Amino acid sequence: MKLININIEGNKHFATVIPFIESEAPDVLCLQEVFLKDVARFEALGFTCSFLPMMRRLYAGEYDELGTLLCSRSEMTSIQSAYYHNDGMELPRFNPDEKTQSILNVKYGVQSAIIHHNNTPYCIATTHFTWTPDGEMPCKEQVTSMASFLAYIQTLPAHCISGDFNIPRNKNPLYGDLIAQYTDAIPAIYQSSLDGTLHHGKDKPDLQHLFTSYMVDYVFTLPPY
C-alpha cells in the first residue's frame, strides 16, 4: 500500500498537487485544508473520499467548508470521526482579521476508516492537529487537545495515522506525548516537511529555519504497522 499525506492549503497549489498525485498513484491519500467544493477533483482521480469539516472559509467570494479528506482507491468501511477540540461548537467562519483567534476556534478532529487493500484490512486515520501561535510552545488549547486526542485514538484498533500535527519534532514538548504512544515513521534524515518554494514564508529571512528544521507533518504507526 502506498500512502501520501499533504496539506494542500486550500485551492492554492492544484497545478502542483494534482500532477503529483497522478504520477505517484497512491492507494490512500490523506489531505488537510481541503475545500468541500474541491472534493470532486479527487473523486475524479478514482478515490472514494470521506470529508471532515473544520471551519468555513472564503473561496471565490463565498464561504465553503474546509477540512480534512481521507481517500482510498479501494473499499472503505467503518468510517468514523470525532472532534477533540471545540466539539460542541457550530462550524466557525474564519476571520483573517483575527487570524490567531480564528484558528484556535477551529473544530479540530480525527477521522479513520478500515481500508480493504488486496484483501487485507488496514486501519488508517488522519488529522489536522490544533494550531499554536508559537510552534515550539504549546498553547493551552493544544495541550487540552492532546489529552482528548490521545484518549480518543486509544478507542481505535491498531492503526497508522498521518496528518499536519503543528508540533515540530523535538521542539514542541507535545511531540514527546506522541512518540510515547506511536512510532514516528518519518526518517530522522528528513528534518522539515515545509516546502520552501510554496510556503507563504519562503521570502521572509526570519522564517528560513522552517525549511531546514521544522518537521510538523507525520506518519505515526502502532504495531503491527
Protein backbone atom coordinates (compact mmCIF):
# COMPACT_ATOMS: atom_id res chain seq x y z
CA MET A 1 0.00 0.00 0.00
CA LYS A 2 1.23 3.48 -0.87
CA LEU A 3 0.01 6.36 1.32
CA ILE A 4 0.52 10.05 0.61
CA ASN A 5 -0.22 12.87 3.07
CA ILE A 6 -0.32 16.53 2.02
CA ASN A 7 -1.57 19.79 3.47
CA ILE A 8 -2.74 21.29 0.17
CA GLU A 9 -3.53 24.80 1.52
CA GLY A 10 -6.97 25.10 0.02
CA ASN A 11 -7.02 25.85 -3.70
CA LYS A 12 -3.52 27.37 -3.94
CA HIS A 13 -1.48 24.50 -5.38
CA PHE A 14 -3.59 22.32 -7.67
CA ALA A 15 -1.12 22.79 -10.56
CA THR A 16 1.47 21.01 -8.40
CA VAL A 17 -0.68 18.70 -6.27
CA ILE A 18 -2.84 17.04 -8.93
CA PRO A 19 0.03 16.01 -11.29
CA PHE A 20 1.99 14.73 -8.27
CA ILE A 21 -0.90 12.52 -7.15
CA GLU A 22 -1.46 11.30 -10.71
CA SER A 23 2.22 10.39 -11.16
CA GLU A 24 2.63 8.73 -7.74
CA ALA A 25 -0.71 6.87 -7.90
CA PRO A 26 -1.18 6.33 -4.13
CA ASP A 27 -3.61 3.76 -2.79
CA VAL A 28 -4.51 6.03 0.13
CA LEU A 29 -4.50 9.82 0.20
CA CYS A 30 -4.74 11.92 3.39
CA LEU A 31 -5.21 15.64 2.79
CA GLN A 32 -5.55 18.68 5.01
CA GLU A 33 -7.08 22.11 4.22
CA VAL A 34 -9.39 20.84 1.50
CA PHE A 35 -12.45 22.82 0.44
CA LEU A 36 -15.64 20.78 0.21
CA LYS A 37 -16.28 22.03 -3.33
CA ASP A 38 -12.90 20.57 -4.40
CA VAL A 39 -13.58 17.03 -3.14
CA ALA A 40 -14.85 16.17 -6.64
CA ARG A 41 -11.34 16.80 -8.01
CA PHE A 42 -10.04 13.86 -6.01
CA GLU A 43 -13.04 11.65 -6.68
CA ALA A 44 -12.31 12.22 -10.38
CA LEU A 45 -8.86 10.70 -9.80
CA GLY A 46 -10.51 7.44 -8.77
CA PHE A 47 -10.76 7.86 -5.00
CA THR A 48 -13.61 7.26 -2.59
CA CYS A 49 -13.45 10.18 -0.14
CA SER A 50 -14.52 10.96 3.43
CA PHE A 51 -14.58 14.64 4.40
CA LEU A 52 -14.46 16.11 7.93
CA PRO A 53 -15.11 19.89 8.07
CA MET A 54 -13.15 22.12 10.46
CA MET A 55 -14.28 25.65 9.55
CA ARG A 56 -15.93 27.77 6.89
CA ARG A 57 -13.57 29.93 4.83
CA LEU A 58 -13.89 32.25 1.86
CA TYR A 59 -13.43 30.61 -1.52
CA ALA A 60 -14.05 32.69 -4.65
CA GLY A 61 -16.14 35.17 -2.69
CA GLU A 62 -18.31 32.61 -0.91
CA TYR A 63 -17.89 30.70 2.34
CA ASP A 64 -17.23 26.98 1.91
CA GLU A 65 -16.38 24.23 4.37
CA LEU A 66 -12.66 23.49 4.81
CA GLY A 67 -11.37 20.30 6.41
CA THR A 68 -9.54 17.00 6.11
CA LEU A 69 -10.05 14.38 3.42
CA LEU A 70 -9.41 10.64 3.71
CA CYS A 71 -9.32 8.96 0.30
CA SER A 72 -8.94 5.37 -0.87
CA ARG A 73 -8.89 3.64 -4.24
CA SER A 74 -10.35 0.51 -2.61
CA GLU A 75 -13.32 -0.10 -0.33
CA MET A 76 -13.55 1.91 2.91
CA THR A 77 -15.67 0.67 5.79
CA SER A 78 -16.15 1.56 9.46
CA ILE A 79 -15.67 5.27 8.69
CA GLN A 80 -15.78 7.29 11.89
CA SER A 81 -14.73 10.69 13.15
CA ALA A 82 -14.56 12.76 16.32
CA TYR A 83 -13.66 16.31 17.24
CA TYR A 84 -11.15 16.65 20.07
CA HIS A 85 -11.23 20.47 20.14
CA ASN A 86 -14.41 22.60 20.10
CA ASP A 87 -16.58 19.51 19.65
CA GLY A 88 -19.85 21.23 20.55
CA MET A 89 -19.22 24.41 18.58
CA GLU A 90 -21.12 25.31 15.42
CA LEU A 91 -18.79 25.22 12.43
CA PRO A 92 -17.00 28.60 12.67
CA ARG A 93 -16.17 31.13 9.99
CA PHE A 94 -12.51 32.03 9.60
CA ASN A 95 -11.81 35.75 10.05
CA PRO A 96 -8.44 36.76 8.53
CA ASP A 97 -8.51 40.00 10.56
CA GLU A 98 -8.48 37.92 13.76
CA LYS A 99 -6.27 35.10 12.49
CA THR A 100 -4.96 33.78 15.80
CA GLN A 101 -8.36 33.64 17.47
CA SER A 102 -9.98 32.20 14.34
CA ILE A 103 -7.51 29.32 14.05
CA LEU A 104 -7.82 28.49 17.75
CA ASN A 105 -11.61 28.41 17.37
CA VAL A 106 -11.47 25.77 14.63
CA LYS A 107 -13.13 22.37 15.20
CA TYR A 108 -10.10 20.06 15.16
CA GLY A 109 -10.83 16.37 14.68
CA VAL A 110 -9.66 12.98 13.51
CA GLN A 111 -11.24 10.57 11.07
CA SER A 112 -10.47 6.92 10.40
CA ALA A 113 -11.59 4.02 8.24
CA ILE A 114 -10.85 0.39 7.53
CA ILE A 115 -9.37 0.27 4.05
CA HIS A 116 -9.53 -3.07 2.27
CA HIS A 117 -6.41 -3.27 0.10
CA ASN A 118 -5.55 -6.52 -1.68
CA ASN A 119 -7.97 -8.40 0.57
CA THR A 120 -6.27 -7.11 3.70
CA PRO A 121 -7.94 -4.64 6.11
CA TYR A 122 -5.89 -1.63 7.24
CA CYS A 123 -7.00 0.95 9.80
CA ILE A 124 -5.92 4.36 8.50
CA ALA A 125 -6.56 7.67 10.28
CA THR A 126 -5.81 11.30 9.54
CA THR A 127 -5.95 14.60 11.39
CA HIS A 128 -5.04 18.26 11.25
CA PHE A 129 -3.99 18.98 14.81
CA THR A 130 -4.72 22.10 16.85
CA TRP A 131 -2.55 25.08 15.94
CA THR A 132 -0.45 27.08 18.38
CA PRO A 133 0.82 30.67 17.81
CA ASP A 134 4.40 29.60 18.57
CA GLY A 135 5.04 26.17 17.11
CA GLU A 136 7.65 25.36 19.71
CA MET A 137 5.40 26.31 22.64
CA PRO A 138 2.05 24.55 23.07
CA CYS A 139 -0.82 26.87 23.94
CA LYS A 140 -3.45 25.71 26.43
CA GLU A 141 -5.76 24.73 23.56
CA GLN A 142 -3.09 22.47 22.10
CA VAL A 143 -2.43 20.85 25.49
CA THR A 144 -6.08 20.06 26.13
CA SER A 145 -6.46 18.86 22.53
CA MET A 146 -3.63 16.39 23.01
CA ALA A 147 -5.28 14.85 26.06
CA SER A 148 -8.59 14.47 24.21
CA PHE A 149 -6.90 13.21 21.04
CA LEU A 150 -4.92 10.53 22.87
CA ALA A 151 -8.00 9.40 24.78
CA TYR A 152 -9.95 9.03 21.53
CA ILE A 153 -7.33 7.25 19.44
CA GLN A 154 -6.97 4.63 22.17
CA THR A 155 -10.52 3.57 21.30
CA LEU A 156 -9.44 2.77 17.73
CA PRO A 157 -7.91 -0.53 16.63
CA ALA A 158 -4.20 -0.60 15.83
CA HIS A 159 -3.69 1.97 13.09
CA CYS A 160 -1.48 4.23 11.03
CA ILE A 161 -2.25 7.96 11.30
CA SER A 162 -0.91 10.79 9.17
CA GLY A 163 -1.52 14.50 9.11
CA ASP A 164 -0.37 18.02 9.80
CA PHE A 165 0.21 18.00 13.56
CA ASN A 166 1.51 21.58 14.03
CA ILE A 167 4.03 20.11 16.51
CA PRO A 168 7.68 20.50 15.41
CA ARG A 169 9.71 17.37 16.07
CA ASN A 170 11.91 17.63 19.18
CA LYS A 171 10.93 21.28 19.64
CA ASN A 172 7.37 21.27 20.93
CA PRO A 173 7.15 19.16 24.14
CA LEU A 174 3.89 17.59 22.95
CA TYR A 175 5.96 15.65 20.42
CA GLY A 176 7.02 13.53 23.39
CA ASP A 177 3.38 12.67 24.08
CA LEU A 178 3.01 11.45 20.50
CA ILE A 179 6.09 9.25 20.42
CA ALA A 180 5.20 7.82 23.83
CA GLN A 181 2.17 6.39 22.00
CA TYR A 182 3.41 5.97 18.44
CA THR A 183 6.45 5.23 16.31
CA ASP A 184 7.42 8.23 14.19
CA ALA A 185 7.73 6.70 10.72
CA ILE A 186 9.38 9.75 9.14
CA PRO A 187 13.13 9.01 8.98
CA ALA A 188 15.29 11.38 11.04
CA ILE A 189 17.25 12.45 7.94
CA TYR A 190 14.16 14.43 6.92
CA GLN A 191 14.17 17.46 9.19
CA SER A 192 11.43 19.66 7.72
CA SER A 193 8.13 18.98 6.00
CA LEU A 194 7.58 22.56 4.80
CA ASP A 195 8.21 23.38 1.15
CA GLY A 196 10.48 26.40 0.79
CA THR A 197 9.23 27.06 -2.74
CA LEU A 198 5.50 27.11 -1.86
CA HIS A 199 5.20 28.16 1.79
CA HIS A 200 3.91 31.68 2.49
CA GLY A 201 7.15 32.44 4.40
CA LYS A 202 9.50 31.50 1.58
CA ASP A 203 10.71 35.09 1.07
CA LYS A 204 10.96 36.06 4.75
CA PRO A 205 14.53 35.90 6.12
CA ASP A 206 13.34 35.30 9.68
CA LEU A 207 11.40 32.18 8.62
CA GLN A 208 14.07 30.35 6.64
CA HIS A 209 14.71 27.96 9.55
CA LEU A 210 11.28 26.48 8.89
CA PHE A 211 12.60 24.82 5.74
CA THR A 212 15.58 23.15 7.39
CA SER A 213 14.41 22.09 10.86
CA TYR A 214 10.63 22.07 11.16
CA MET A 215 9.06 18.64 10.80
CA VAL A 216 5.35 19.06 11.53
CA ASP A 217 3.71 16.61 9.09
CA TYR A 218 3.93 12.99 10.14
CA VAL A 219 3.07 9.36 9.63
CA PHE A 220 2.72 7.67 13.03
CA THR A 221 2.26 3.94 13.47
CA LEU A 222 1.26 1.38 16.06
CA PRO A 223 2.16 -2.32 15.87
CA PRO A 224 1.72 -4.27 13.63
CA TYR A 225 2.19 -1.40 11.18
